Amino acid sequence: MTEPLPSFVHNLGKTFDEMLEVSGVLRQDIESLVAAYRHDWSSQPLRRMFVRAYWSMIEGEVFCTKQLALRACELGDKSLSAEEHVFLSESRIIVDEEGAASLKHAHIDTLSNLKQTLKIAASKFDLDWTPNFSTQGWEKLALSLELRHRITHPKAAAELVVSESELDIHKYAFAWFLEAFNEFQASLLRKCDE
């Protein structure tokens, strides 16, 4: 007779399943764009959609990884410092002068968010993988983020143009991200199989 899984295992599994589902949907978005425009990258709307879609994927992957690490620590034997908890939950409790408590969103810049998330997750899951941020790929990711900000919040029409060299930087940056994140996920799955 099989015993039912404890609720904490079920809840962690749901968080992990959500992470994989979000990842799959966002990756499918990118694959669809690449398939549709495989032979002609001259389209400016395509270039902008491509940059935005990749950054949506990164931000989705990072958020889901934070949720997974947070749930695993809450349910497991790994403790979080108050600072790590605020970071992973993206919220902090603020008490006003009357003593009323409220939840406030804790914002962190995108690159720091990515870096901290991978470092904390690798540490808390005791992975055989550590992120490497001293590479050209990481530097190009920062340039790609500047491009994403520029085309998402343009101040002039010229800022919406994605040059060939910017597109190349973007592609290189995301090849680095995909490799790093795939290595993280593979290491996490190996750990789950132990």
N, C-alpha and C. Protein backbone atom coordinates (compact mmCIF):
# COMPACT_ATOMS: atom_id res chain seq x y z
N MET A 1 0.84 -1.18 0.00
CA MET A 1 0.00 0.00 0.00
C MET A 1 0.88 1.24 0.00
N THR A 2 0.55 2.20 -0.83
CA THR A 2 1.33 3.43 -0.93
C THR A 2 0.76 4.47 0.02
N GLU A 3 1.65 5.09 0.78
CA GLU A 3 1.22 6.14 1.69
C GLU A 3 1.15 7.46 0.95
N PRO A 4 0.16 8.30 1.29
CA PRO A 4 0.09 9.61 0.63
C PRO A 4 1.28 10.48 1.03
N LEU A 5 1.67 11.33 0.10
CA LEU A 5 2.78 12.24 0.38
C LEU A 5 2.36 13.25 1.44
N PRO A 6 3.29 13.62 2.32
CA PRO A 6 2.97 14.69 3.27
C PRO A 6 2.65 15.97 2.50
N SER A 7 1.82 16.82 3.09
CA SER A 7 1.37 18.04 2.38
C SER A 7 2.53 18.93 1.99
N PHE A 8 3.61 19.00 2.82
CA PHE A 8 4.72 19.88 2.46
C PHE A 8 5.42 19.41 1.19
N VAL A 9 5.49 18.08 1.00
CA VAL A 9 6.10 17.55 -0.22
C VAL A 9 5.21 17.88 -1.41
N HIS A 10 3.91 17.73 -1.22
CA HIS A 10 2.95 18.06 -2.28
C HIS A 10 3.06 19.54 -2.66
N ASN A 11 3.13 20.42 -1.67
CA ASN A 11 3.21 21.86 -1.94
C ASN A 11 4.51 22.23 -2.65
N LEU A 12 5.60 21.62 -2.24
CA LEU A 12 6.88 21.88 -2.91
C LEU A 12 6.82 21.37 -4.35
N GLY A 13 6.21 20.21 -4.54
CA GLY A 13 6.05 19.66 -5.88
C GLY A 13 5.22 20.56 -6.77
N LYS A 14 4.15 21.17 -6.21
CA LYS A 14 3.33 22.10 -6.97
C LYS A 14 4.15 23.32 -7.39
N THR A 15 4.99 23.82 -6.48
CA THR A 15 5.83 24.97 -6.80
C THR A 15 6.82 24.60 -7.90
N PHE A 16 7.41 23.41 -7.82
CA PHE A 16 8.36 22.96 -8.84
C PHE A 16 7.65 22.77 -10.18
N ASP A 17 6.45 22.17 -10.16
CA ASP A 17 5.69 21.99 -11.39
C ASP A 17 5.36 23.34 -12.04
N GLU A 18 5.00 24.33 -11.20
CA GLU A 18 4.68 25.67 -11.72
C GLU A 18 5.92 26.28 -12.38
N MET A 19 7.07 26.08 -11.75
CA MET A 19 8.32 26.60 -12.30
C MET A 19 8.56 26.00 -13.69
N LEU A 20 8.39 24.69 -13.81
CA LEU A 20 8.61 24.04 -15.10
C LEU A 20 7.58 24.47 -16.13
N GLU A 21 6.33 24.67 -15.71
CA GLU A 21 5.30 25.10 -16.64
C GLU A 21 5.55 26.51 -17.16
N VAL A 22 5.89 27.43 -16.25
CA VAL A 22 6.21 28.81 -16.66
C VAL A 22 7.38 28.80 -17.63
N SER A 23 8.41 28.04 -17.28
CA SER A 23 9.59 27.94 -18.13
C SER A 23 9.21 27.42 -19.52
N GLY A 24 8.40 26.40 -19.56
CA GLY A 24 8.00 25.81 -20.84
C GLY A 24 7.21 26.78 -21.71
N VAL A 25 6.27 27.50 -21.11
CA VAL A 25 5.46 28.46 -21.88
C VAL A 25 6.33 29.58 -22.43
N LEU A 26 7.19 30.14 -21.58
CA LEU A 26 8.03 31.26 -22.03
C LEU A 26 9.05 30.83 -23.08
N ARG A 27 9.60 29.64 -22.93
CA ARG A 27 10.52 29.13 -23.94
C ARG A 27 9.79 28.87 -25.25
N GLN A 28 8.56 28.40 -25.17
CA GLN A 28 7.78 28.18 -26.38
C GLN A 28 7.51 29.49 -27.12
N ASP A 29 7.27 30.56 -26.37
CA ASP A 29 7.10 31.88 -26.99
C ASP A 29 8.32 32.22 -27.85
N ILE A 30 9.49 32.01 -27.29
CA ILE A 30 10.72 32.36 -27.99
C ILE A 30 10.93 31.43 -29.19
N GLU A 31 10.69 30.15 -28.99
CA GLU A 31 10.84 29.21 -30.11
C GLU A 31 9.89 29.57 -31.25
N SER A 32 8.69 30.01 -30.93
CA SER A 32 7.72 30.41 -31.96
C SER A 32 8.22 31.63 -32.74
N LEU A 33 8.77 32.60 -32.01
CA LEU A 33 9.33 33.78 -32.69
C LEU A 33 10.48 33.40 -33.61
N VAL A 34 11.38 32.57 -33.10
CA VAL A 34 12.54 32.17 -33.89
C VAL A 34 12.09 31.39 -35.13
N ALA A 35 11.11 30.50 -34.95
CA ALA A 35 10.63 29.72 -36.09
C ALA A 35 9.96 30.61 -37.14
N ALA A 36 9.21 31.59 -36.69
CA ALA A 36 8.49 32.47 -37.62
C ALA A 36 9.44 33.36 -38.42
N TYR A 37 10.54 33.73 -37.82
CA TYR A 37 11.45 34.69 -38.48
C TYR A 37 12.84 34.11 -38.72
N ARG A 38 12.94 32.81 -38.73
CA ARG A 38 14.23 32.13 -38.81
C ARG A 38 15.16 32.67 -39.90
N HIS A 39 14.62 32.99 -41.05
CA HIS A 39 15.46 33.38 -42.18
C HIS A 39 15.54 34.88 -42.41
N ASP A 40 14.81 35.65 -41.64
CA ASP A 40 14.82 37.10 -41.87
C ASP A 40 14.68 37.84 -40.54
N TRP A 41 15.82 38.30 -40.04
CA TRP A 41 15.84 39.03 -38.77
C TRP A 41 15.83 40.54 -39.00
N SER A 42 15.50 40.98 -40.18
CA SER A 42 15.55 42.41 -40.47
C SER A 42 14.37 43.18 -39.88
N SER A 43 13.32 42.50 -39.52
CA SER A 43 12.12 43.15 -39.00
C SER A 43 12.37 43.77 -37.62
N GLN A 44 12.18 45.08 -37.53
CA GLN A 44 12.35 45.76 -36.24
C GLN A 44 11.31 45.29 -35.21
N PRO A 45 10.03 45.12 -35.58
CA PRO A 45 9.09 44.59 -34.58
C PRO A 45 9.53 43.22 -34.04
N LEU A 46 10.04 42.35 -34.93
CA LEU A 46 10.53 41.04 -34.48
C LEU A 46 11.67 41.22 -33.49
N ARG A 47 12.62 42.06 -33.83
CA ARG A 47 13.77 42.26 -32.95
C ARG A 47 13.32 42.72 -31.57
N ARG A 48 12.39 43.67 -31.54
CA ARG A 48 11.90 44.16 -30.24
C ARG A 48 11.14 43.06 -29.50
N MET A 49 10.30 42.31 -30.20
CA MET A 49 9.56 41.21 -29.55
C MET A 49 10.51 40.17 -29.01
N PHE A 50 11.56 39.89 -29.76
CA PHE A 50 12.56 38.89 -29.37
C PHE A 50 13.25 39.31 -28.07
N VAL A 51 13.67 40.55 -27.99
CA VAL A 51 14.33 41.05 -26.78
C VAL A 51 13.36 41.00 -25.60
N ARG A 52 12.16 41.49 -25.80
CA ARG A 52 11.17 41.52 -24.70
C ARG A 52 10.80 40.10 -24.26
N ALA A 53 10.63 39.19 -25.22
CA ALA A 53 10.25 37.81 -24.87
C ALA A 53 11.34 37.14 -24.04
N TYR A 54 12.59 37.36 -24.41
CA TYR A 54 13.69 36.76 -23.65
C TYR A 54 13.74 37.32 -22.24
N TRP A 55 13.55 38.61 -22.10
CA TRP A 55 13.58 39.18 -20.75
C TRP A 55 12.38 38.75 -19.93
N SER A 56 11.24 38.53 -20.57
CA SER A 56 10.10 37.96 -19.84
C SER A 56 10.45 36.57 -19.34
N MET A 57 11.12 35.80 -20.18
CA MET A 57 11.52 34.46 -19.78
C MET A 57 12.49 34.52 -18.60
N ILE A 58 13.48 35.37 -18.68
CA ILE A 58 14.45 35.47 -17.59
C ILE A 58 13.75 35.86 -16.29
N GLU A 59 12.92 36.89 -16.35
CA GLU A 59 12.26 37.34 -15.13
C GLU A 59 11.31 36.28 -14.59
N GLY A 60 10.64 35.54 -15.47
CA GLY A 60 9.77 34.44 -15.03
C GLY A 60 10.57 33.32 -14.39
N GLU A 61 11.69 32.95 -15.02
CA GLU A 61 12.54 31.89 -14.47
C GLU A 61 13.09 32.29 -13.10
N VAL A 62 13.50 33.53 -12.98
CA VAL A 62 14.07 34.00 -11.72
C VAL A 62 13.00 34.00 -10.62
N PHE A 63 11.81 34.53 -10.92
CA PHE A 63 10.76 34.55 -9.91
C PHE A 63 10.40 33.14 -9.45
N CYS A 64 10.23 32.22 -10.39
CA CYS A 64 9.87 30.85 -10.03
C CYS A 64 10.98 30.18 -9.22
N THR A 65 12.22 30.47 -9.55
CA THR A 65 13.34 29.90 -8.79
C THR A 65 13.34 30.43 -7.36
N LYS A 66 13.03 31.71 -7.21
CA LYS A 66 12.93 32.30 -5.87
C LYS A 66 11.83 31.62 -5.07
N GLN A 67 10.68 31.41 -5.70
CA GLN A 67 9.57 30.75 -5.01
C GLN A 67 9.93 29.33 -4.61
N LEU A 68 10.60 28.61 -5.49
CA LEU A 68 11.00 27.24 -5.19
C LEU A 68 11.98 27.21 -4.02
N ALA A 69 12.97 28.07 -4.04
CA ALA A 69 13.95 28.11 -2.95
C ALA A 69 13.28 28.50 -1.63
N LEU A 70 12.39 29.48 -1.69
CA LEU A 70 11.68 29.92 -0.49
C LEU A 70 10.85 28.79 0.09
N ARG A 71 10.05 28.12 -0.74
CA ARG A 71 9.21 27.01 -0.26
C ARG A 71 10.06 25.87 0.27
N ALA A 72 11.13 25.55 -0.43
CA ALA A 72 12.00 24.45 0.03
C ALA A 72 12.60 24.77 1.40
N CYS A 73 13.02 26.00 1.60
CA CYS A 73 13.59 26.38 2.90
C CYS A 73 12.53 26.42 3.99
N GLU A 74 11.35 26.90 3.65
CA GLU A 74 10.27 26.93 4.64
C GLU A 74 9.85 25.54 5.07
N LEU A 75 9.92 24.60 4.14
CA LEU A 75 9.45 23.25 4.40
C LEU A 75 10.55 22.27 4.78
N GLY A 76 11.79 22.66 4.55
CA GLY A 76 12.90 21.75 4.78
C GLY A 76 13.74 22.14 5.97
N ASP A 77 14.97 21.69 5.94
CA ASP A 77 15.87 21.92 7.08
C ASP A 77 16.87 23.05 6.84
N LYS A 78 16.67 23.83 5.79
CA LYS A 78 17.56 24.97 5.52
C LYS A 78 16.94 26.23 6.08
N SER A 79 17.72 26.98 6.80
CA SER A 79 17.19 28.23 7.36
C SER A 79 17.56 29.39 6.43
N LEU A 80 16.75 30.42 6.50
CA LEU A 80 16.98 31.64 5.76
C LEU A 80 17.22 32.78 6.73
N SER A 81 18.15 33.64 6.41
CA SER A 81 18.30 34.86 7.19
C SER A 81 17.09 35.74 6.87
N ALA A 82 16.84 36.73 7.72
CA ALA A 82 15.74 37.66 7.46
C ALA A 82 15.92 38.34 6.12
N GLU A 83 17.16 38.69 5.80
CA GLU A 83 17.46 39.35 4.52
C GLU A 83 17.16 38.42 3.34
N GLU A 84 17.54 37.15 3.46
CA GLU A 84 17.26 36.19 2.39
C GLU A 84 15.75 35.97 2.22
N HIS A 85 15.04 35.94 3.33
CA HIS A 85 13.59 35.75 3.26
C HIS A 85 12.92 36.93 2.54
N VAL A 86 13.32 38.14 2.89
CA VAL A 86 12.78 39.32 2.22
C VAL A 86 13.11 39.26 0.74
N PHE A 87 14.33 38.89 0.42
CA PHE A 87 14.74 38.82 -0.98
C PHE A 87 13.92 37.79 -1.75
N LEU A 88 13.82 36.57 -1.23
CA LEU A 88 13.12 35.51 -1.96
C LEU A 88 11.62 35.75 -2.04
N SER A 89 11.04 36.30 -0.99
CA SER A 89 9.59 36.54 -0.99
C SER A 89 9.22 37.83 -1.70
N GLU A 90 10.21 38.68 -1.93
CA GLU A 90 10.02 39.99 -2.57
C GLU A 90 9.06 40.87 -1.78
N SER A 91 9.02 40.67 -0.48
CA SER A 91 8.16 41.51 0.35
C SER A 91 8.73 41.64 1.75
N ARG A 92 8.38 42.73 2.38
CA ARG A 92 8.77 42.96 3.76
C ARG A 92 7.59 43.52 4.51
N ILE A 93 7.58 43.27 5.81
CA ILE A 93 6.51 43.78 6.65
C ILE A 93 6.94 45.14 7.20
N ILE A 94 6.09 46.11 7.01
CA ILE A 94 6.34 47.47 7.49
C ILE A 94 5.30 47.78 8.57
N VAL A 95 5.76 48.28 9.70
CA VAL A 95 4.86 48.67 10.78
C VAL A 95 4.86 50.19 10.87
N ASP A 96 3.66 50.77 10.79
CA ASP A 96 3.56 52.22 10.84
C ASP A 96 3.56 52.73 12.29
N GLU A 97 3.45 54.03 12.46
CA GLU A 97 3.53 54.65 13.79
C GLU A 97 2.42 54.20 14.72
N GLU A 98 1.27 53.79 14.15
CA GLU A 98 0.16 53.31 14.98
C GLU A 98 0.28 51.82 15.30
N GLY A 99 1.28 51.17 14.77
CA GLY A 99 1.48 49.75 15.01
C GLY A 99 0.80 48.84 14.00
N ALA A 100 0.22 49.41 12.96
CA ALA A 100 -0.42 48.60 11.93
C ALA A 100 0.63 48.07 10.97
N ALA A 101 0.57 46.79 10.71
CA ALA A 101 1.53 46.15 9.82
C ALA A 101 0.96 46.05 8.41
N SER A 102 1.82 46.25 7.44
CA SER A 102 1.42 46.07 6.04
C SER A 102 2.57 45.43 5.28
N LEU A 103 2.22 44.78 4.20
CA LEU A 103 3.20 44.12 3.35
C LEU A 103 3.62 45.08 2.25
N LYS A 104 4.92 45.22 2.06
CA LYS A 104 5.43 46.12 1.02
C LYS A 104 6.34 45.33 0.09
N HIS A 105 6.19 45.59 -1.21
CA HIS A 105 7.03 44.93 -2.22
C HIS A 105 8.48 45.37 -2.03
N ALA A 106 9.38 44.40 -1.99
CA ALA A 106 10.81 44.69 -1.87
C ALA A 106 11.43 44.57 -3.26
N HIS A 107 11.78 45.70 -3.85
CA HIS A 107 12.31 45.74 -5.22
C HIS A 107 13.83 45.63 -5.21
N ILE A 108 14.34 44.93 -6.20
CA ILE A 108 15.79 44.85 -6.41
C ILE A 108 16.02 44.93 -7.92
N ASP A 109 17.12 45.52 -8.32
CA ASP A 109 17.37 45.66 -9.75
C ASP A 109 17.52 44.28 -10.41
N THR A 110 17.25 44.22 -11.68
CA THR A 110 17.13 42.97 -12.42
C THR A 110 18.39 42.11 -12.37
N LEU A 111 19.55 42.68 -12.62
CA LEU A 111 20.78 41.87 -12.63
C LEU A 111 21.13 41.37 -11.24
N SER A 112 20.97 42.22 -10.23
CA SER A 112 21.23 41.78 -8.86
C SER A 112 20.24 40.69 -8.46
N ASN A 113 19.01 40.83 -8.92
CA ASN A 113 17.98 39.84 -8.64
C ASN A 113 18.38 38.48 -9.21
N LEU A 114 18.81 38.47 -10.47
CA LEU A 114 19.24 37.23 -11.11
C LEU A 114 20.44 36.63 -10.39
N LYS A 115 21.42 37.44 -10.13
CA LYS A 115 22.65 36.97 -9.49
C LYS A 115 22.37 36.39 -8.10
N GLN A 116 21.65 37.14 -7.27
CA GLN A 116 21.35 36.70 -5.91
C GLN A 116 20.50 35.44 -5.91
N THR A 117 19.52 35.38 -6.81
CA THR A 117 18.64 34.21 -6.87
C THR A 117 19.44 32.95 -7.15
N LEU A 118 20.30 32.99 -8.16
CA LEU A 118 21.08 31.79 -8.49
C LEU A 118 22.06 31.42 -7.38
N LYS A 119 22.66 32.41 -6.74
CA LYS A 119 23.59 32.14 -5.64
C LYS A 119 22.87 31.51 -4.45
N ILE A 120 21.74 32.09 -4.06
CA ILE A 120 21.00 31.57 -2.91
C ILE A 120 20.45 30.17 -3.21
N ALA A 121 19.86 30.01 -4.39
CA ALA A 121 19.29 28.71 -4.73
C ALA A 121 20.37 27.63 -4.78
N ALA A 122 21.50 27.91 -5.40
CA ALA A 122 22.59 26.93 -5.46
C ALA A 122 23.06 26.57 -4.06
N SER A 123 23.13 27.55 -3.19
CA SER A 123 23.58 27.31 -1.82
C SER A 123 22.54 26.52 -1.02
N LYS A 124 21.30 26.93 -1.06
CA LYS A 124 20.26 26.29 -0.24
C LYS A 124 19.94 24.87 -0.70
N PHE A 125 20.10 24.60 -2.00
CA PHE A 125 19.86 23.25 -2.50
C PHE A 125 21.13 22.39 -2.49
N ASP A 126 22.24 22.94 -2.00
CA ASP A 126 23.52 22.21 -1.96
C ASP A 126 23.88 21.62 -3.31
N LEU A 127 23.81 22.45 -4.34
CA LEU A 127 24.05 21.97 -5.70
C LEU A 127 25.54 21.82 -5.99
N ASP A 128 25.83 20.97 -6.96
CA ASP A 128 27.21 20.78 -7.43
C ASP A 128 27.53 21.78 -8.54
N TRP A 129 26.80 22.86 -8.58
CA TRP A 129 26.94 23.90 -9.61
C TRP A 129 26.97 25.25 -8.91
N THR A 130 27.82 26.12 -9.42
CA THR A 130 27.82 27.51 -8.93
C THR A 130 27.79 28.44 -10.14
N PRO A 131 27.03 29.51 -10.04
CA PRO A 131 26.95 30.43 -11.18
C PRO A 131 28.27 31.16 -11.39
N ASN A 132 28.60 31.43 -12.65
CA ASN A 132 29.82 32.15 -12.99
C ASN A 132 29.43 33.48 -13.63
N PHE A 133 29.64 34.56 -12.89
CA PHE A 133 29.27 35.88 -13.38
C PHE A 133 30.46 36.69 -13.87
N SER A 134 31.60 36.05 -14.02
CA SER A 134 32.79 36.77 -14.48
C SER A 134 33.09 36.42 -15.92
N THR A 135 32.05 36.31 -16.72
CA THR A 135 32.24 35.92 -18.12
C THR A 135 31.74 37.03 -19.05
N GLN A 136 32.10 36.89 -20.30
CA GLN A 136 31.64 37.84 -21.31
C GLN A 136 30.13 37.74 -21.48
N GLY A 137 29.57 36.55 -21.27
CA GLY A 137 28.13 36.38 -21.38
C GLY A 137 27.37 37.23 -20.37
N TRP A 138 27.89 37.28 -19.14
CA TRP A 138 27.25 38.11 -18.11
C TRP A 138 27.35 39.59 -18.49
N GLU A 139 28.49 40.01 -19.00
CA GLU A 139 28.65 41.40 -19.43
C GLU A 139 27.67 41.74 -20.56
N LYS A 140 27.51 40.82 -21.49
CA LYS A 140 26.58 41.05 -22.60
C LYS A 140 25.13 41.03 -22.11
N LEU A 141 24.85 40.25 -21.08
CA LEU A 141 23.51 40.25 -20.51
C LEU A 141 23.17 41.63 -19.96
N ALA A 142 24.13 42.27 -19.33
CA ALA A 142 23.91 43.64 -18.82
C ALA A 142 23.63 44.60 -19.97
N LEU A 143 24.35 44.46 -21.07
CA LEU A 143 24.10 45.31 -22.25
C LEU A 143 22.71 45.03 -22.84
N SER A 144 22.34 43.76 -22.86
CA SER A 144 21.03 43.40 -23.38
C SER A 144 19.92 43.98 -22.51
N LEU A 145 20.14 44.02 -21.21
CA LEU A 145 19.14 44.61 -20.31
C LEU A 145 18.97 46.10 -20.59
N GLU A 146 20.08 46.78 -20.87
CA GLU A 146 19.99 48.20 -21.24
C GLU A 146 19.15 48.36 -22.51
N LEU A 147 19.36 47.47 -23.46
CA LEU A 147 18.57 47.48 -24.70
C LEU A 147 17.10 47.25 -24.38
N ARG A 148 16.81 46.28 -23.55
CA ARG A 148 15.43 45.99 -23.17
C ARG A 148 14.77 47.21 -22.53
N HIS A 149 15.48 47.86 -21.62
CA HIS A 149 14.93 49.06 -20.98
C HIS A 149 14.68 50.17 -22.02
N ARG A 150 15.62 50.32 -22.93
CA ARG A 150 15.49 51.39 -23.94
C ARG A 150 14.29 51.18 -24.83
N ILE A 151 14.07 49.94 -25.30
CA ILE A 151 12.95 49.70 -26.22
C ILE A 151 11.62 49.55 -25.49
N THR A 152 11.67 49.32 -24.20
CA THR A 152 10.43 49.20 -23.42
C THR A 152 9.95 50.55 -22.90
N HIS A 153 10.89 51.45 -22.69
CA HIS A 153 10.57 52.79 -22.19
C HIS A 153 11.22 53.85 -23.08
N PRO A 154 10.85 53.88 -24.37
CA PRO A 154 11.52 54.80 -25.30
C PRO A 154 11.17 56.26 -25.03
N LYS A 155 12.15 57.11 -25.26
CA LYS A 155 11.95 58.56 -25.15
C LYS A 155 11.92 59.22 -26.52
N ALA A 156 12.33 58.46 -27.53
CA ALA A 156 12.34 58.94 -28.91
C ALA A 156 12.23 57.74 -29.84
N ALA A 157 11.73 57.97 -31.04
CA ALA A 157 11.54 56.88 -32.00
C ALA A 157 12.85 56.15 -32.32
N ALA A 158 13.94 56.89 -32.36
CA ALA A 158 15.24 56.28 -32.67
C ALA A 158 15.64 55.23 -31.64
N GLU A 159 15.15 55.35 -30.42
CA GLU A 159 15.49 54.39 -29.36
C GLU A 159 14.82 53.03 -29.57
N LEU A 160 13.86 52.97 -30.50
CA LEU A 160 13.18 51.71 -30.77
C LEU A 160 13.89 50.85 -31.81
N VAL A 161 14.92 51.38 -32.42
CA VAL A 161 15.67 50.63 -33.43
C VAL A 161 16.68 49.72 -32.73
N VAL A 162 16.64 48.44 -33.11
CA VAL A 162 17.59 47.44 -32.60
C VAL A 162 18.56 47.14 -33.73
N SER A 163 19.80 47.56 -33.56
CA SER A 163 20.80 47.38 -34.62
C SER A 163 21.22 45.91 -34.71
N GLU A 164 21.90 45.62 -35.81
CA GLU A 164 22.42 44.27 -36.02
C GLU A 164 23.40 43.88 -34.90
N SER A 165 24.27 44.80 -34.51
CA SER A 165 25.24 44.49 -33.45
C SER A 165 24.54 44.31 -32.10
N GLU A 166 23.49 45.10 -31.85
CA GLU A 166 22.74 44.92 -30.60
C GLU A 166 22.02 43.57 -30.59
N LEU A 167 21.49 43.17 -31.74
CA LEU A 167 20.84 41.87 -31.84
C LEU A 167 21.85 40.75 -31.58
N ASP A 168 23.06 40.89 -32.12
CA ASP A 168 24.10 39.89 -31.88
C ASP A 168 24.47 39.82 -30.40
N ILE A 169 24.60 40.97 -29.76
CA ILE A 169 24.90 41.01 -28.32
C ILE A 169 23.79 40.31 -27.55
N HIS A 170 22.56 40.62 -27.92
CA HIS A 170 21.40 40.03 -27.26
C HIS A 170 21.40 38.50 -27.41
N LYS A 171 21.64 38.02 -28.61
CA LYS A 171 21.67 36.57 -28.84
C LYS A 171 22.77 35.90 -28.03
N TYR A 172 23.94 36.52 -27.98
CA TYR A 172 25.06 35.98 -27.21
C TYR A 172 24.71 35.94 -25.72
N ALA A 173 24.12 37.02 -25.23
CA ALA A 173 23.76 37.12 -23.82
C ALA A 173 22.77 36.03 -23.43
N PHE A 174 21.81 35.78 -24.28
CA PHE A 174 20.80 34.80 -23.92
C PHE A 174 21.26 33.38 -24.12
N ALA A 175 22.22 33.18 -25.00
CA ALA A 175 22.84 31.85 -25.09
C ALA A 175 23.54 31.57 -23.75
N TRP A 176 24.22 32.60 -23.21
CA TRP A 176 24.87 32.44 -21.91
C TRP A 176 23.84 32.15 -20.82
N PHE A 177 22.76 32.93 -20.80
CA PHE A 177 21.74 32.71 -19.76
C PHE A 177 21.15 31.31 -19.86
N LEU A 178 20.78 30.91 -21.06
CA LEU A 178 20.17 29.58 -21.23
C LEU A 178 21.12 28.48 -20.78
N GLU A 179 22.39 28.61 -21.13
CA GLU A 179 23.37 27.61 -20.70
C GLU A 179 23.48 27.58 -19.18
N ALA A 180 23.59 28.75 -18.58
CA ALA A 180 23.72 28.82 -17.12
C ALA A 180 22.46 28.28 -16.43
N PHE A 181 21.29 28.68 -16.92
CA PHE A 181 20.06 28.26 -16.26
C PHE A 181 19.79 26.78 -16.50
N ASN A 182 20.11 26.28 -17.69
CA ASN A 182 19.97 24.84 -17.94
C ASN A 182 20.90 24.03 -17.04
N GLU A 183 22.11 24.53 -16.81
CA GLU A 183 23.04 23.86 -15.90
C GLU A 183 22.49 23.87 -14.47
N PHE A 184 21.91 25.00 -14.06
CA PHE A 184 21.30 25.09 -12.75
C PHE A 184 20.18 24.06 -12.61
N GLN A 185 19.26 24.02 -13.59
CA GLN A 185 18.14 23.09 -13.52
C GLN A 185 18.62 21.64 -13.55
N ALA A 186 19.62 21.33 -14.37
CA ALA A 186 20.15 19.96 -14.42
C ALA A 186 20.76 19.58 -13.08
N SER A 187 21.47 20.49 -12.47
CA SER A 187 22.07 20.23 -11.15
C SER A 187 20.98 20.02 -10.11
N LEU A 188 19.93 20.80 -10.19
CA LEU A 188 18.80 20.67 -9.25
C LEU A 188 18.12 19.31 -9.44
N LEU A 189 17.92 18.91 -10.68
CA LEU A 189 17.28 17.60 -10.94
C LEU A 189 18.18 16.46 -10.47
N ARG A 190 19.49 16.58 -10.64
CA ARG A 190 20.40 15.56 -10.12
C ARG A 190 20.27 15.45 -8.61
N LYS A 191 20.17 16.60 -7.96
CA LYS A 191 20.03 16.62 -6.50
C LYS A 191 18.73 15.96 -6.08
N CYS A 192 17.65 16.19 -6.82
CA CYS A 192 16.36 15.57 -6.50
C CYS A 192 16.40 14.06 -6.67
N ASP A 193 17.25 13.59 -7.57
CA ASP A 193 17.35 12.14 -7.82
C ASP A 193 18.19 11.40 -6.77
N GLU A 194 18.90 12.17 -5.96
CA GLU A 194 19.77 11.52 -4.94
C GLU A 194 18.96 10.81 -3.89
